[in-house]
C-alpha atoms as a PDB file:
ATOM      1  CA  UNK A   1       0.000   0.000   0.000  1.00  0.00           C
ATOM      2  CA  UNK A   2       1.141   3.539  -0.798  1.00  0.00           C
ATOM      3  CA  UNK A   3       0.318   6.172   1.801  1.00  0.00           C
ATOM      4  CA  UNK A   4      -0.417   9.674   0.520  1.00  0.00           C
ATOM      5  CA  UNK A   5      -0.276  12.254   3.314  1.00  0.00           C
ATOM      6  CA  UNK A   6      -2.619  14.750   1.707  1.00  0.00           C
ATOM      7  CA  UNK A   7      -5.205  17.423   2.304  1.00  0.00           C
ATOM      8  CA  UNK A   8      -3.399  19.995   0.145  1.00  0.00           C
ATOM      9  CA  UNK A   9      -3.986  21.074  -3.422  1.00  0.00           C
ATOM     10  CA  UNK A  10      -0.586  19.561  -4.235  1.00  0.00           C
ATOM     11  CA  UNK A  11      -1.880  16.132  -3.228  1.00  0.00           C
ATOM     12  CA  UNK A  12      -5.048  16.562  -5.285  1.00  0.00           C
ATOM     13  CA  UNK A  13      -3.024  17.533  -8.361  1.00  0.00           C
ATOM     14  CA  UNK A  14      -0.901  14.426  -7.829  1.00  0.00           C
ATOM     15  CA  UNK A  15      -3.907  12.138  -7.419  1.00  0.00           C
ATOM     16  CA  UNK A  16      -5.595  13.646 -10.459  1.00  0.00           C
ATOM     17  CA  UNK A  17      -2.538  12.647 -12.504  1.00  0.00           C
ATOM     18  CA  UNK A  18      -3.029   8.993 -11.594  1.00  0.00           C
ATOM     19  CA  UNK A  19      -5.248   7.155 -14.048  1.00  0.00           C
ATOM     20  CA  UNK A  20      -4.495   3.771 -12.510  1.00  0.00           C
ATOM     21  CA  UNK A  21      -3.057   2.153  -9.357  1.00  0.00           C
ATOM     22  CA  UNK A  22      -5.560   4.003  -7.164  1.00  0.00           C
ATOM     23  CA  UNK A  23      -6.704   0.766  -5.533  1.00  0.00           C
ATOM     24  CA  UNK A  24      -3.282   0.514  -3.858  1.00  0.00           C
ATOM     25  CA  UNK A  25      -3.463   3.974  -2.295  1.00  0.00           C
ATOM     26  CA  UNK A  26      -4.619   5.178   1.102  1.00  0.00           C
ATOM     27  CA  UNK A  27      -4.879   8.912   1.781  1.00  0.00           C
ATOM     28  CA  UNK A  28      -4.963  10.720   5.106  1.00  0.00           C
ATOM     29  CA  UNK A  29      -6.098  14.267   5.835  1.00  0.00           C
ATOM     30  CA  UNK A  30      -6.499  16.161   9.090  1.00  0.00           C
ATOM     31  CA  UNK A  31      -9.981  17.539   8.345  1.00  0.00           C
ATOM     32  CA  UNK A  32     -13.357  16.472   7.001  1.00  0.00           C
ATOM     33  CA  UNK A  33     -13.099  19.385   4.593  1.00  0.00           C
ATOM     34  CA  UNK A  34      -9.907  17.932   3.163  1.00  0.00           C
ATOM     35  CA  UNK A  35     -11.626  14.588   2.767  1.00  0.00           C
ATOM     36  CA  UNK A  36     -14.616  16.147   1.033  1.00  0.00           C
ATOM     37  CA  UNK A  37     -12.335  17.676  -1.591  1.00  0.00           C
ATOM     38  CA  UNK A  38     -11.193  14.144  -2.464  1.00  0.00           C
ATOM     39  CA  UNK A  39     -14.668  12.667  -3.000  1.00  0.00           C
ATOM     40  CA  UNK A  40     -14.324  12.635  -6.789  1.00  0.00           C
ATOM     41  CA  UNK A  41     -11.226  10.421  -6.729  1.00  0.00           C
ATOM     42  CA  UNK A  42     -12.911   7.299  -5.353  1.00  0.00           C
ATOM     43  CA  UNK A  43     -10.138   6.578  -2.860  1.00  0.00           C
ATOM     44  CA  UNK A  44      -9.888   5.262   0.661  1.00  0.00           C
ATOM     45  CA  UNK A  45      -9.490   8.449   2.726  1.00  0.00           C
ATOM     46  CA  UNK A  46      -9.023   8.562   6.493  1.00  0.00           C
ATOM     47  CA  UNK A  47      -9.378  11.743   8.544  1.00  0.00           C
ATOM     48  CA  UNK A  48      -6.837  11.546  11.343  1.00  0.00           C
ATOM     49  CA  UNK A  49      -4.047  13.680  12.785  1.00  0.00           C
ATOM     50  CA  UNK A  50      -1.327  11.286  13.933  1.00  0.00           C
ATOM     51  CA  UNK A  51       1.678  11.448  16.202  1.00  0.00           C
ATOM     52  CA  UNK A  52       4.694   9.223  15.646  1.00  0.00           C
ATOM     53  CA  UNK A  53       3.382   6.189  17.544  1.00  0.00           C
ATOM     54  CA  UNK A  54       0.052   6.398  15.725  1.00  0.00           C
ATOM     55  CA  UNK A  55       1.862   6.554  12.388  1.00  0.00           C
ATOM     56  CA  UNK A  56       3.759   3.394  13.308  1.00  0.00           C
ATOM     57  CA  UNK A  57       0.485   1.618  14.028  1.00  0.00           C
ATOM     58  CA  UNK A  58      -0.977   2.994  10.801  1.00  0.00           C
ATOM     59  CA  UNK A  59       1.796   1.734   8.502  1.00  0.00           C
ATOM     60  CA  UNK A  60       1.640  -1.692  10.136  1.00  0.00           C
ATOM     61  CA  UNK A  61      -2.149  -1.924   9.894  1.00  0.00           C
ATOM     62  CA  UNK A  62      -2.232  -0.976   6.211  1.00  0.00           C
ATOM     63  CA  UNK A  63       1.049  -2.644   5.212  1.00  0.00           C
ATOM     64  CA  UNK A  64       2.459   0.634   3.902  1.00  0.00           C
ATOM     65  CA  UNK A  65       5.453   0.223   1.614  1.00  0.00           C
ATOM     66  CA  UNK A  66       5.965   3.842   0.522  1.00  0.00           C
ATOM     67  CA  UNK A  67       5.107   7.254   1.950  1.00  0.00           C
ATOM     68  CA  UNK A  68       4.377  10.236  -0.300  1.00  0.00           C
ATOM     69  CA  UNK A  69       4.343  13.417   1.761  1.00  0.00           C
ATOM     70  CA  UNK A  70       2.212  16.251   0.353  1.00  0.00           C
ATOM     71  CA  UNK A  71       1.599  18.083   3.614  1.00  0.00           C
ATOM     72  CA  UNK A  72       1.557  21.869   3.857  1.00  0.00           C
ATOM     73  CA  UNK A  73       5.070  23.431   3.973  1.00  0.00           C
ATOM     74  CA  UNK A  74       4.448  24.595   7.545  1.00  0.00           C
ATOM     75  CA  UNK A  75       3.287  21.211   8.867  1.00  0.00           C
ATOM     76  CA  UNK A  76       6.854  20.126   9.582  1.00  0.00           C
ATOM     77  CA  UNK A  77       6.031  17.947  12.606  1.00  0.00           C
ATOM     78  CA  UNK A  78       4.026  15.634  10.368  1.00  0.00           C
ATOM     79  CA  UNK A  79       6.934  15.374   7.946  1.00  0.00           C
ATOM     80  CA  UNK A  80       9.427  14.810  10.781  1.00  0.00           C
ATOM     81  CA  UNK A  81       7.354  11.970  12.196  1.00  0.00           C
ATOM     82  CA  UNK A  82       6.754  10.451   8.769  1.00  0.00           C
ATOM     83  CA  UNK A  83      10.510  10.379   8.093  1.00  0.00           C
ATOM     84  CA  UNK A  84      11.167   8.778  11.485  1.00  0.00           C
ATOM     85  CA  UNK A  85       8.597   6.099  10.755  1.00  0.00           C
ATOM     86  CA  UNK A  86      10.082   5.499   7.306  1.00  0.00           C
ATOM     87  CA  UNK A  87      13.472   4.909   8.951  1.00  0.00           C
ATOM     88  CA  UNK A  88      12.117   2.647  11.690  1.00  0.00           C
ATOM     89  CA  UNK A  89      10.119   0.503   9.277  1.00  0.00           C
ATOM     90  CA  UNK A  90      12.464   0.725   6.276  1.00  0.00           C
ATOM     91  CA  UNK A  91       9.735   2.394   4.174  1.00  0.00           C
ATOM     92  CA  UNK A  92      10.522   4.600   1.181  1.00  0.00           C
ATOM     93  CA  UNK A  93       9.779   8.301   1.778  1.00  0.00           C
ATOM     94  CA  UNK A  94       9.170  10.930  -0.916  1.00  0.00           C
ATOM     95  CA  UNK A  95       8.445  14.587  -0.243  1.00  0.00           C
ATOM     96  CA  UNK A  96       6.857  17.167  -2.546  1.00  0.00           C
ATOM     97  CA  UNK A  97       7.968  20.630  -1.415  1.00  0.00           C
ATOM     98  CA  UNK A  98       6.628  23.817  -2.961  1.00  0.00           C
ATOM     99  CA  UNK A  99       9.051  26.054  -4.803  1.00  0.00           C
ATOM    100  CA  UNK A 100      10.358  29.031  -2.818  1.00  0.00           C
ATOM    101  CA  UNK A 101      10.502  32.542  -4.298  1.00  0.00           C
ATOM    102  CA  UNK A 102      12.462  35.611  -3.281  1.00  0.00           C
ATOM    103  CA  UNK A 103      10.993  39.126  -3.108  1.00  0.00           C
ATOM    104  CA  UNK A 104      12.496  42.558  -2.573  1.00  0.00           C
ATOM    105  CA  UNK A 105      11.295  45.068   0.031  1.00  0.00           C
ATOM    106  CA  UNK A 106       9.530  42.524   2.242  1.00  0.00           C
ATOM    107  CA  UNK A 107       9.818  42.123   6.008  1.00  0.00           C
ATOM    108  CA  UNK A 108      10.614  38.514   6.923  1.00  0.00           C
ATOM    109  CA  UNK A 109      10.315  36.534  10.145  1.00  0.00           C
ATOM    110  CA  UNK A 110      11.273  32.960  10.966  1.00  0.00           C
ATOM    111  CA  UNK A 111       9.099  32.740  14.087  1.00  0.00           C
ATOM    112  CA  UNK A 112       5.463  33.732  14.346  1.00  0.00           C
ATOM    113  CA  UNK A 113       5.972  35.094  17.873  1.00  0.00           C
ATOM    114  CA  UNK A 114       8.438  37.673  16.544  1.00  0.00           C
ATOM    115  CA  UNK A 115       6.087  38.512  13.686  1.00  0.00           C
ATOM    116  CA  UNK A 116       3.142  39.086  16.020  1.00  0.00           C
ATOM    117  CA  UNK A 117       5.211  41.313  18.304  1.00  0.00           C
ATOM    118  CA  UNK A 118       6.180  43.428  15.292  1.00  0.00           C
ATOM    119  CA  UNK A 119       2.576  43.598  14.087  1.00  0.00           C
ATOM    120  CA  UNK A 120       1.335  44.691  17.518  1.00  0.00           C
ATOM    121  CA  UNK A 121       3.089  48.046  17.073  1.00  0.00           C
ATOM    122  CA  UNK A 122       1.749  48.850  13.605  1.00  0.00           C
ATOM    123  CA  UNK A 123      -0.735  51.554  12.735  1.00  0.00           C
ATOM    124  CA  UNK A 124      -3.169  51.158   9.860  1.00  0.00           C
ATOM    125  CA  UNK A 125      -5.214  48.232   8.605  1.00  0.00           C
ATOM    126  CA  UNK A 126      -3.557  44.827   8.417  1.00  0.00           C
ATOM    127  CA  UNK A 127      -4.608  41.731   6.458  1.00  0.00           C
ATOM    128  CA  UNK A 128      -3.519  38.351   7.810  1.00  0.00           C
ATOM    129  CA  UNK A 129      -3.594  35.415   5.408  1.00  0.00           C
ATOM    130  CA  UNK A 130      -1.761  33.007   7.709  1.00  0.00           C
ATOM    131  CA  UNK A 131      -4.827  30.799   8.109  1.00  0.00           C
ATOM    132  CA  UNK A 132      -7.062  29.997  11.053  1.00  0.00           C
ATOM    133  CA  UNK A 133      -4.525  27.820  12.896  1.00  0.00           C
ATOM    134  CA  UNK A 134      -2.446  30.895  13.737  1.00  0.00           C
ATOM    135  CA  UNK A 135      -5.141  33.356  14.801  1.00  0.00           C
ATOM    136  CA  UNK A 136      -4.758  32.529  18.505  1.00  0.00           C
ATOM    137  CA  UNK A 137      -1.329  34.178  18.381  1.00  0.00           C
ATOM    138  CA  UNK A 138      -2.995  37.533  17.702  1.00  0.00           C
ATOM    139  CA  UNK A 139      -5.311  37.410  20.702  1.00  0.00           C
ATOM    140  CA  UNK A 140      -5.256  40.464  22.995  1.00  0.00           C
ATOM    141  CA  UNK A 141      -3.220  42.650  20.640  1.00  0.00           C
ATOM    142  CA  UNK A 142      -3.932  46.314  21.260  1.00  0.00           C
ATOM    143  CA  UNK A 143      -4.509  46.875  17.547  1.00  0.00           C
ATOM    144  CA  UNK A 144      -6.643  43.743  16.987  1.00  0.00           C
ATOM    145  CA  UNK A 145      -9.532  45.866  15.718  1.00  0.00           C
ATOM    146  CA  UNK A 146      -7.323  46.929  12.795  1.00  0.00           C
ATOM    147  CA  UNK A 147      -6.490  43.356  11.738  1.00  0.00           C
ATOM    148  CA  UNK A 148      -8.531  41.551   9.088  1.00  0.00           C
ATOM    149  CA  UNK A 149      -8.321  37.764   8.852  1.00  0.00           C
ATOM    150  CA  UNK A 150      -8.772  35.987   5.532  1.00  0.00           C
ATOM    151  CA  UNK A 151      -9.606  32.349   6.256  1.00  0.00           C
ATOM    152  CA  UNK A 152     -11.441  29.425   4.712  1.00  0.00           C
ATOM    153  CA  UNK A 153     -15.241  29.849   4.819  1.00  0.00           C
ATOM    154  CA  UNK A 154     -15.742  26.908   7.174  1.00  0.00           C
ATOM    155  CA  UNK A 155     -17.471  26.941  10.548  1.00  0.00           C
ATOM    156  CA  UNK A 156     -14.319  25.764  12.304  1.00  0.00           C
ATOM    157  CA  UNK A 157     -12.061  28.405  10.749  1.00  0.00           C
ATOM    158  CA  UNK A 158     -14.439  31.297  11.369  1.00  0.00           C
ATOM    159  CA  UNK A 159     -15.089  30.183  14.958  1.00  0.00           C
ATOM    160  CA  UNK A 160     -11.365  30.279  15.685  1.00  0.00           C
ATOM    161  CA  UNK A 161     -11.244  33.908  14.598  1.00  0.00           C
ATOM    162  CA  UNK A 162     -14.386  34.846  16.504  1.00  0.00           C
ATOM    163  CA  UNK A 163     -13.053  33.163  19.643  1.00  0.00           C
ATOM    164  CA  UNK A 164     -10.214  35.687  19.967  1.00  0.00           C
ATOM    165  CA  UNK A 165     -12.664  38.569  19.915  1.00  0.00           C
ATOM    166  CA  UNK A 166     -12.620  39.519  16.237  1.00  0.00           C
ATOM    167  CA  UNK A 167     -15.809  41.098  14.914  1.00  0.00           C
ATOM    168  CA  UNK A 168     -17.566  39.710  11.824  1.00  0.00           C
ATOM    169  CA  UNK A 169     -16.656  42.795   9.792  1.00  0.00           C
ATOM    170  CA  UNK A 170     -12.970  41.855  10.191  1.00  0.00           C
ATOM    171  CA  UNK A 171     -13.405  38.276   8.955  1.00  0.00           C
ATOM    172  CA  UNK A 172     -13.069  37.525   5.246  1.00  0.00           C
ATOM    173  CA  UNK A 173     -14.244  33.951   4.721  1.00  0.00           C
ATOM    174  CA  UNK A 174     -13.226  32.878   1.230  1.00  0.00           C
ATOM    175  CA  UNK A 175     -11.154  30.180  -0.446  1.00  0.00           C
ATOM    176  CA  UNK A 176      -8.243  31.105  -2.691  1.00  0.00           C
ATOM    177  CA  UNK A 177      -6.021  31.261  -4.563  1.00  0.00           C
ATOM    178  CA  UNK A 178      -6.870  34.601  -6.197  1.00  0.00           C
ATOM    179  CA  UNK A 179      -5.705  36.656  -9.143  1.00  0.00           C
ATOM    180  CA  UNK A 180      -3.674  39.836  -8.657  1.00  0.00           C
ATOM    181  CA  UNK A 181      -6.727  41.934  -9.503  1.00  0.00           C
ATOM    182  CA  UNK A 182      -8.901  40.147  -6.962  1.00  0.00           C
ATOM    183  CA  UNK A 183      -6.265  40.591  -4.285  1.00  0.00           C
ATOM    184  CA  UNK A 184      -6.057  44.299  -5.123  1.00  0.00           C
ATOM    185  CA  UNK A 185      -9.821  44.596  -4.774  1.00  0.00           C
ATOM    186  CA  UNK A 186      -9.634  43.213  -1.242  1.00  0.00           C
ATOM    187  CA  UNK A 187      -6.708  45.466  -0.319  1.00  0.00           C
ATOM    188  CA  UNK A 188      -8.516  48.537  -1.604  1.00  0.00           C
ATOM    189  CA  UNK A 189     -11.871  47.639  -0.074  1.00  0.00           C
ATOM    190  CA  UNK A 190     -10.407  47.252   3.420  1.00  0.00           C
ATOM    191  CA  UNK A 191      -7.806  50.016   3.031  1.00  0.00           C
ATOM    192  CA  UNK A 192      -5.011  47.542   3.790  1.00  0.00           C
ATOM    193  CA  UNK A 193      -1.576  48.976   4.595  1.00  0.00           C
ATOM    194  CA  UNK A 194       0.151  45.730   5.650  1.00  0.00           C
ATOM    195  CA  UNK A 195      -0.161  42.167   4.341  1.00  0.00           C
ATOM    196  CA  UNK A 196       0.854  39.178   6.474  1.00  0.00           C
ATOM    197  CA  UNK A 197       1.435  36.010   4.492  1.00  0.00           C
ATOM    198  CA  UNK A 198       3.277  32.707   4.249  1.00  0.00           C
ATOM    199  CA  UNK A 199       5.497  31.183   1.611  1.00  0.00           C
ATOM    200  CA  UNK A 200       2.551  29.196   0.310  1.00  0.00           C
ATOM    201  CA  UNK A 201       3.884  28.561  -3.207  1.00  0.00           C
ATOM    202  CA  UNK A 202       2.144  28.616  -6.557  1.00  0.00           C
ATOM    203  CA  UNK A 203      -0.867  26.573  -5.459  1.00  0.00           C
ATOM    204  CA  UNK A 204      -1.442  28.996  -2.589  1.00  0.00           C
ATOM    205  CA  UNK A 205      -1.415  32.030  -4.867  1.00  0.00           C
ATOM    206  CA  UNK A 206       1.729  33.380  -3.198  1.00  0.00           C
ATOM    207  CA  UNK A 207       3.118  35.382  -6.116  1.00  0.00           C
ATOM    208  CA  UNK A 208      -0.213  36.968  -7.040  1.00  0.00           C
ATOM    209  CA  UNK A 209      -0.824  37.940  -3.438  1.00  0.00           C
ATOM    210  CA  UNK A 210       2.600  39.445  -2.759  1.00  0.00           C
ATOM    211  CA  UNK A 211       3.231  41.089  -6.117  1.00  0.00           C
ATOM    212  CA  UNK A 212      -0.175  42.774  -6.137  1.00  0.00           C
ATOM    213  CA  UNK A 213       0.461  44.109  -2.627  1.00  0.00           C
ATOM    214  CA  UNK A 214       3.898  45.464  -3.532  1.00  0.00           C
ATOM    215  CA  UNK A 215       2.419  47.073  -6.627  1.00  0.00           C
ATOM    216  CA  UNK A 216      -0.089  48.887  -4.390  1.00  0.00           C
ATOM    217  CA  UNK A 217       2.677  50.029  -2.009  1.00  0.00           C
ATOM    218  CA  UNK A 218       1.441  47.728   0.734  1.00  0.00           C
ATOM    219  CA  UNK A 219       4.107  46.544   3.168  1.00  0.00           C
ATOM    220  CA  UNK A 220       4.459  42.763   2.999  1.00  0.00           C
ATOM    221  CA  UNK A 221       5.307  40.732   6.112  1.00  0.00           C
ATOM    222  CA  UNK A 222       6.300  37.129   5.408  1.00  0.00           C
ATOM    223  CA  UNK A 223       6.414  34.218   7.825  1.00  0.00           C
ATOM    224  CA  UNK A 224       9.233  32.158   6.327  1.00  0.00           C
ATOM    225  CA  UNK A 225       8.820  28.484   5.619  1.00  0.00           C
ATOM    226  CA  UNK A 226      10.458  26.291   8.296  1.00  0.00           C
ATOM    227  CA  UNK A 227      13.637  24.618   7.134  1.00  0.00           C
ATOM    228  CA  UNK A 228      13.766  20.849   7.321  1.00  0.00           C
ATOM    229  CA  UNK A 229      16.320  18.398   6.001  1.00  0.00           C
ATOM    230  CA  UNK A 230      14.115  16.007   4.038  1.00  0.00           C
ATOM    231  CA  UNK A 231      15.567  12.619   3.156  1.00  0.00           C
ATOM    232  CA  UNK A 232      14.149  13.026  -0.365  1.00  0.00           C
ATOM    233  CA  UNK A 233      12.343  16.002  -1.891  1.00  0.00           C
ATOM    234  CA  UNK A 234      11.394  17.701  -5.131  1.00  0.00           C
ATOM    235  CA  UNK A 235       9.380  20.750  -6.165  1.00  0.00           C
ATOM    236  CA  UNK A 236       8.537  19.121  -9.503  1.00  0.00           C
ATOM    237  CA  UNK A 237       5.269  17.168  -9.576  1.00  0.00           C
ATOM    238  CA  UNK A 238       6.378  15.209 -12.656  1.00  0.00           C
ATOM    239  CA  UNK A 239       9.428  13.880 -10.811  1.00  0.00           C
ATOM    240  CA  UNK A 240       7.483  12.571  -7.834  1.00  0.00           C
ATOM    241  CA  UNK A 241       4.849  11.144 -10.183  1.00  0.00           C
ATOM    242  CA  UNK A 242       7.594   9.253 -12.033  1.00  0.00           C
ATOM    243  CA  UNK A 243       8.947   8.000  -8.712  1.00  0.00           C
ATOM    244  CA  UNK A 244       5.464   6.798  -7.756  1.00  0.00           C
ATOM    245  CA  UNK A 245       5.105   4.797 -10.962  1.00  0.00           C
ATOM    246  CA  UNK A 246       8.405   3.025 -10.364  1.00  0.00           C
ATOM    247  CA  UNK A 247       8.261  -0.455  -8.835  1.00  0.00           C
ATOM    248  CA  UNK A 248       4.457  -0.641  -9.014  1.00  0.00           C
ATOM    249  CA  UNK A 249       3.362  -4.148  -8.335  1.00  0.00           C
ATOM    250  CA  UNK A 250       6.487  -5.294  -6.519  1.00  0.00           C
END
């Protein structure tokens, strides 16, 4: 069995490329929403967030021979545990990692705590596109009323923002990625002066988001992607697809 650690658009693009061998695949996501997006692929999908010991049980239960890691670039604990399990059980591990871009005139942080401290002293409207999992970090900021949060339009995501005291008018529930023009419309509508974003890659609309902000003279604040020494990685979907098709049936 091949285990696809999915839930991202990268994983869906990969699975869409497979016209056969799907019966030998098991996919895991951490949310029901992620599972719902995979309905059309007719695959066995399990919704479960796993620690290392649970991953060990999982690969034994499903006789996993190879792991294909398509997790979000910031979900490094999942990747760390998956690599440990691959070593323990002598399982092949393959990682798809989104391409990283460089931009001029951006403010960069490696740790979200440092980013939030910097943001707490800003004047003017701020748009955070870090996702709902990071909103708790912004709780109790003195300028919280000036921060707008763009998150997925799911009950869970919106509740997380509301739970830190953010009013509905400061919540933008919508699923990207977006064109440069659409991003500009949001910036202009909310009079945004600062954009907070991640290195989310092409599938996350990173370039369109950042370049449109810079074009509108909006200061861009980037939470850098965590660095991890993967045992095998590529930013080319064709390469990992070729690797998947090797040794099928052995």
